[in-house]
Amino acid sequence: QTLGQTFGQKAINVNLAYASFKPTIWGLNGLALDGGKVKNKFMTSEVVWDSDVNFEGLTESYDKKLGDTKLRLVLGQYFLEEIDRTPTTGGSQPVDDPWIVAWQGQLYQNTSIGKLKFALAFYDYQNLTDNAVTNQLGAGDGQRNSQLTATNVNTTNIRTFNFMGEWNTPILGYDYRFFGEYAFNTDADAVAGNNTIADGLDTAWQLGTQLGHEKLRYFGDWKLMGLYRVIQQDAVFYALNSSDFHDGGTNAKGVKLQAKV
């Protein structure tokens, strides 16, 4: 931060700012209600959400532990963007602000062969079609969802089912993980910018593995990870998934290799 500037106002970037309520009466232990710029409580990967995403709105979560099993239900209602009510060329504005309704069930299970975790989610974007979202995350035209190129008006809906799974077990004293994910946009059937149907561009998936120290605490600790990922153009919302894989956005596939020490 530059000091001086004739005592001018300083900009502050807020990463998290929320209120949380956790009732302990009426058998509601495990319930949490969060509102504001809240933590991401969903089980996630870079296919759907960038690691920097913290939502703005309301999150309701409930945790329950039953022996070696842990269950979590997460619900969310989040504001995506406040838009200009002035009609946009190429769209059918004025329209309502885009926002997200999200549901996810999570299962964590300890077994004799290791730890398992699964998650099933549905991310339902409201009022996204015919809106031009301003935060493009640097993604080029070919890395965005179907749009009218001249105006960046979205021409497809995003209503994505997402399934994730991971197996975690020690091997030779190291932490080993095998993981996979599948995402499918159930509403990718709108007319795309070039008057083509987006119906064949609705799937994303990845498979990967990781070996090394679970946490890098000491000198000499290491972790290796490799995966193969495919993200078709309209499978997920391009402005919020990983900003690093192929420079962000969708319409990408390839191998990711990572080493940490």
Protein backbone atom coordinates (compact mmCIF):
# COMPACT_ATOMS: atom_id res chain seq x y z
CA GLN A 1 0.00 0.00 0.00
CA THR A 2 1.40 3.41 -1.02
CA LEU A 3 1.41 5.88 1.87
CA GLY A 4 0.96 9.60 1.49
CA GLN A 5 -1.06 10.62 -1.57
CA THR A 6 -2.37 13.60 0.41
CA PHE A 7 -4.13 11.35 2.93
CA GLY A 8 -6.38 9.92 0.23
CA GLN A 9 -8.75 7.02 0.84
CA LYS A 10 -7.16 3.54 0.86
CA ALA A 11 -8.67 0.59 -0.99
CA ILE A 12 -9.21 -2.58 1.05
CA ASN A 13 -9.72 -6.01 -0.49
CA VAL A 14 -12.03 -8.20 1.60
CA ASN A 15 -11.56 -11.96 1.29
CA LEU A 16 -13.94 -13.08 4.05
CA ALA A 17 -16.50 -11.13 6.08
CA TYR A 18 -19.44 -13.08 7.46
CA ALA A 19 -21.56 -13.87 10.49
CA SER A 20 -22.05 -17.47 11.63
CA PHE A 21 -24.76 -18.91 13.87
CA LYS A 22 -24.46 -22.45 15.32
CA PRO A 23 -27.48 -23.34 17.47
CA THR A 24 -27.00 -25.81 20.33
CA ILE A 25 -30.64 -26.19 21.40
CA TRP A 26 -33.55 -28.35 20.18
CA GLY A 27 -31.14 -31.03 18.94
CA LEU A 28 -29.68 -28.73 16.29
CA ASN A 29 -26.03 -29.47 17.08
CA GLY A 30 -24.13 -29.67 13.81
CA LEU A 31 -26.19 -26.99 12.07
CA ALA A 32 -24.43 -23.82 10.93
CA LEU A 33 -25.89 -20.73 9.25
CA ASP A 34 -23.40 -18.37 7.58
CA GLY A 35 -24.13 -15.07 5.85
CA GLY A 36 -21.89 -12.54 4.09
CA LYS A 37 -18.74 -13.22 2.10
CA VAL A 38 -18.50 -16.78 3.32
CA LYS A 39 -16.08 -19.70 3.25
CA ASN A 40 -16.52 -22.35 0.58
CA LYS A 41 -17.89 -25.39 2.47
CA PHE A 42 -18.41 -27.52 -0.63
CA MET A 43 -16.12 -30.42 -1.42
CA THR A 44 -14.45 -28.98 -4.50
CA SER A 45 -11.81 -29.31 -7.14
CA GLU A 46 -10.60 -26.98 -9.88
CA VAL A 47 -13.12 -28.43 -12.35
CA VAL A 48 -15.98 -26.35 -10.90
CA TRP A 49 -14.49 -23.83 -8.45
CA ASP A 50 -11.21 -21.95 -8.36
CA SER A 51 -9.44 -22.27 -5.02
CA ASP A 52 -9.80 -18.51 -4.46
CA VAL A 53 -13.61 -18.46 -4.70
CA ASN A 54 -15.44 -17.36 -1.54
CA PHE A 55 -19.18 -16.95 -2.02
CA GLU A 56 -21.36 -13.92 -1.26
CA GLY A 57 -24.71 -14.81 0.23
CA LEU A 58 -26.02 -17.51 2.56
CA THR A 59 -24.73 -21.00 3.41
CA GLU A 60 -26.60 -23.58 5.49
CA SER A 61 -24.69 -26.70 6.52
CA TYR A 62 -25.37 -29.70 8.74
CA ASP A 63 -22.76 -32.19 9.98
CA LYS A 64 -23.52 -35.59 11.50
CA LYS A 65 -21.04 -38.23 12.68
CA LEU A 66 -22.10 -41.87 12.99
CA GLY A 67 -19.20 -44.07 14.10
CA ASP A 68 -16.72 -44.23 11.23
CA THR A 69 -19.06 -42.27 8.97
CA LYS A 70 -19.36 -38.51 8.66
CA LEU A 71 -22.18 -36.87 6.69
CA ARG A 72 -22.49 -33.27 5.62
CA LEU A 73 -25.25 -31.43 3.78
CA VAL A 74 -24.48 -28.00 2.34
CA LEU A 75 -27.02 -25.59 0.85
CA GLY A 76 -26.16 -22.21 -0.61
CA GLN A 77 -27.78 -19.16 -2.17
CA TYR A 78 -25.27 -16.72 -3.62
CA PHE A 79 -25.30 -13.46 -5.53
CA LEU A 80 -23.24 -13.74 -8.71
CA GLU A 81 -23.35 -10.19 -10.00
CA GLU A 82 -25.42 -7.02 -9.87
CA ILE A 83 -26.09 -6.08 -13.47
CA ASP A 84 -26.94 -2.91 -15.36
CA ARG A 85 -30.63 -2.61 -16.14
CA THR A 86 -29.80 -0.87 -19.44
CA PRO A 87 -30.59 -3.26 -22.32
CA THR A 88 -27.49 -4.94 -23.77
CA THR A 89 -27.16 -5.35 -27.52
CA GLY A 90 -27.61 -8.99 -28.42
CA GLY A 91 -29.41 -9.90 -25.22
CA SER A 92 -32.99 -9.66 -24.01
CA GLN A 93 -32.25 -7.36 -21.07
CA PRO A 94 -33.44 -5.92 -18.81
CA VAL A 95 -33.24 -9.16 -16.82
CA ASP A 96 -32.82 -10.06 -13.16
CA ASP A 97 -29.43 -10.33 -11.45
CA PRO A 98 -27.74 -13.72 -11.89
CA TRP A 99 -27.39 -15.81 -8.73
CA ILE A 100 -26.62 -19.39 -7.74
CA VAL A 101 -28.58 -22.02 -5.83
CA ALA A 102 -26.35 -24.91 -4.73
CA TRP A 103 -26.85 -28.25 -2.97
CA GLN A 104 -24.26 -30.85 -2.01
CA GLY A 105 -24.26 -34.03 0.04
CA GLN A 106 -20.91 -35.30 1.36
CA LEU A 107 -19.91 -38.71 2.75
CA TYR A 108 -16.66 -39.48 4.58
CA GLN A 109 -16.02 -43.13 5.49
CA ASN A 110 -13.15 -44.84 7.33
CA THR A 111 -12.65 -48.44 6.17
CA SER A 112 -10.10 -51.23 6.54
CA ILE A 113 -8.67 -50.35 3.10
CA GLY A 114 -8.38 -46.62 3.69
CA LYS A 115 -10.50 -43.49 3.77
CA LEU A 116 -13.23 -42.84 1.23
CA LYS A 117 -15.02 -39.60 0.48
CA PHE A 118 -17.78 -38.81 -1.99
CA ALA A 119 -19.86 -35.78 -2.88
CA LEU A 120 -22.90 -35.24 -5.09
CA ALA A 121 -23.81 -31.65 -5.93
CA PHE A 122 -26.15 -29.61 -8.11
CA TYR A 123 -25.20 -26.04 -9.04
CA ASP A 124 -28.15 -24.14 -10.49
CA TYR A 125 -27.38 -20.73 -12.02
CA GLN A 126 -30.38 -18.40 -12.21
CA ASN A 127 -30.75 -15.66 -14.86
CA LEU A 128 -27.40 -16.42 -16.50
CA THR A 129 -28.75 -16.69 -20.04
CA ASP A 130 -28.90 -13.30 -21.84
CA ASN A 131 -26.60 -11.72 -19.24
CA ALA A 132 -23.08 -10.44 -19.87
CA VAL A 133 -20.94 -11.19 -16.81
CA THR A 134 -18.17 -8.63 -16.34
CA ASN A 135 -15.64 -10.81 -14.49
CA GLN A 136 -14.16 -12.82 -17.36
CA LEU A 137 -11.13 -14.06 -15.34
CA GLY A 138 -8.91 -13.37 -18.34
CA ALA A 139 -10.39 -16.27 -20.32
CA GLY A 140 -10.27 -15.72 -24.06
CA ASP A 141 -13.31 -16.03 -26.31
CA GLY A 142 -12.58 -19.71 -26.93
CA GLN A 143 -12.45 -20.44 -23.18
CA ARG A 144 -15.87 -19.07 -22.27
CA ASN A 145 -19.33 -20.61 -22.32
CA SER A 146 -21.39 -20.15 -25.48
CA GLN A 147 -21.80 -16.41 -26.03
CA LEU A 148 -22.57 -13.75 -28.58
CA THR A 149 -18.96 -12.81 -29.34
CA ALA A 150 -19.53 -9.09 -29.89
CA THR A 151 -21.25 -8.50 -26.53
CA ASN A 152 -20.22 -11.47 -24.30
CA VAL A 153 -23.91 -12.19 -23.67
CA ASN A 154 -24.32 -15.77 -22.43
CA THR A 155 -26.51 -17.93 -24.65
CA THR A 156 -26.59 -21.16 -22.65
CA ASN A 157 -27.79 -22.12 -19.20
CA ILE A 158 -25.64 -23.71 -16.48
CA ARG A 159 -27.36 -26.31 -14.28
CA THR A 160 -24.58 -28.75 -13.41
CA PHE A 161 -24.61 -32.06 -11.58
CA ASN A 162 -21.22 -32.81 -10.06
CA PHE A 163 -19.94 -36.10 -8.59
CA MET A 164 -16.60 -36.48 -6.81
CA GLY A 165 -14.84 -39.41 -5.19
CA GLU A 166 -11.49 -40.08 -3.53
CA TRP A 167 -9.70 -43.06 -1.99
CA ASN A 168 -6.92 -42.29 0.49
CA THR A 169 -4.57 -44.87 2.05
CA PRO A 170 -0.96 -45.07 3.30
CA ILE A 171 1.52 -46.78 0.94
CA LEU A 172 5.11 -47.42 2.09
CA GLY A 173 4.67 -44.79 4.76
CA TYR A 174 3.42 -42.14 2.34
CA ASP A 175 -0.02 -40.67 1.76
CA TYR A 176 -1.59 -42.02 -1.46
CA ARG A 177 -4.76 -40.69 -3.09
CA PHE A 178 -6.73 -41.72 -6.17
CA PHE A 179 -9.51 -39.33 -7.16
CA GLY A 180 -12.03 -38.71 -9.89
CA GLU A 181 -14.78 -36.28 -10.81
CA TYR A 182 -17.61 -36.02 -13.32
CA ALA A 183 -19.73 -32.94 -14.09
CA PHE A 184 -22.69 -32.71 -16.46
CA ASN A 185 -24.65 -29.59 -17.43
CA THR A 186 -28.28 -30.68 -17.70
CA ASP A 187 -29.35 -27.48 -19.48
CA ALA A 188 -26.64 -26.94 -22.12
CA ASP A 189 -29.10 -26.94 -24.99
CA ALA A 190 -29.42 -23.24 -25.76
CA VAL A 191 -28.46 -21.80 -29.13
CA ALA A 192 -24.77 -20.87 -29.08
CA GLY A 193 -23.29 -17.69 -30.54
CA ASN A 194 -22.79 -19.14 -34.01
CA ASN A 195 -26.36 -20.51 -34.16
CA THR A 196 -25.19 -23.98 -33.18
CA ILE A 197 -26.62 -26.08 -30.38
CA ALA A 198 -24.48 -26.43 -27.27
CA ASP A 199 -25.81 -29.91 -26.58
CA GLY A 200 -22.52 -31.71 -27.29
CA LEU A 201 -20.44 -29.50 -25.01
CA ASP A 202 -21.89 -30.32 -21.61
CA THR A 203 -19.43 -32.65 -19.84
CA ALA A 204 -16.31 -32.31 -17.67
CA TRP A 205 -14.29 -34.99 -15.91
CA GLN A 206 -10.91 -35.73 -14.40
CA LEU A 207 -8.92 -38.66 -13.01
CA GLY A 208 -5.80 -38.27 -10.94
CA THR A 209 -3.45 -39.65 -8.34
CA GLN A 210 -1.20 -38.21 -5.64
CA LEU A 211 1.65 -39.60 -3.53
CA GLY A 212 3.82 -38.05 -0.84
CA HIS A 213 3.61 -36.48 2.58
CA GLU A 214 0.09 -35.50 3.57
CA LYS A 215 1.28 -32.11 4.84
CA LEU A 216 4.53 -30.35 3.96
CA ARG A 217 5.77 -29.50 7.45
CA TYR A 218 9.50 -30.17 7.39
CA PHE A 219 12.49 -29.77 5.10
CA GLY A 220 12.59 -32.69 2.69
CA ASP A 221 8.84 -33.34 2.69
CA TRP A 222 7.42 -33.78 -0.80
CA LYS A 223 4.22 -34.43 -2.73
CA LEU A 224 3.67 -35.49 -6.37
CA MET A 225 0.36 -35.21 -8.22
CA GLY A 226 -0.76 -36.01 -11.76
CA LEU A 227 -4.17 -35.85 -13.44
CA TYR A 228 -5.92 -35.76 -16.79
CA ARG A 229 -8.80 -33.30 -17.15
CA VAL A 230 -11.43 -32.53 -19.80
CA ILE A 231 -13.73 -29.49 -19.53
CA GLN A 232 -16.11 -29.03 -22.46
CA GLN A 233 -17.25 -25.52 -23.29
CA ASP A 234 -20.61 -25.45 -21.48
CA ALA A 235 -20.06 -28.05 -18.76
CA VAL A 236 -19.42 -25.57 -15.92
CA PHE A 237 -19.48 -21.79 -15.49
CA TYR A 238 -16.27 -20.56 -17.07
CA ALA A 239 -15.70 -17.50 -14.85
CA LEU A 240 -15.40 -19.40 -11.55
CA ASN A 241 -13.44 -22.59 -12.23
CA SER A 242 -9.63 -22.85 -12.14
CA SER A 243 -7.90 -19.71 -13.41
CA ASP A 244 -4.63 -21.64 -13.88
CA PHE A 245 -5.54 -24.69 -15.97
CA HIS A 246 -5.14 -23.56 -19.62
CA ASP A 247 -5.24 -19.95 -18.31
CA GLY A 248 -8.75 -20.37 -16.96
CA GLY A 249 -12.20 -20.99 -18.35
CA THR A 250 -13.58 -24.01 -20.18
CA ASN A 251 -13.05 -25.71 -23.56
CA ALA A 252 -9.82 -27.27 -22.33
CA LYS A 253 -8.23 -30.67 -21.81
CA GLY A 254 -4.83 -31.96 -20.87
CA VAL A 255 -2.45 -33.33 -18.27
CA LYS A 256 -1.51 -31.52 -15.07
CA LEU A 257 1.66 -32.54 -13.23
CA GLN A 258 2.62 -30.98 -9.91
CA ALA A 259 5.50 -31.39 -7.49
CA LYS A 260 5.66 -29.71 -4.08
CA VAL A 261 8.55 -29.70 -1.63
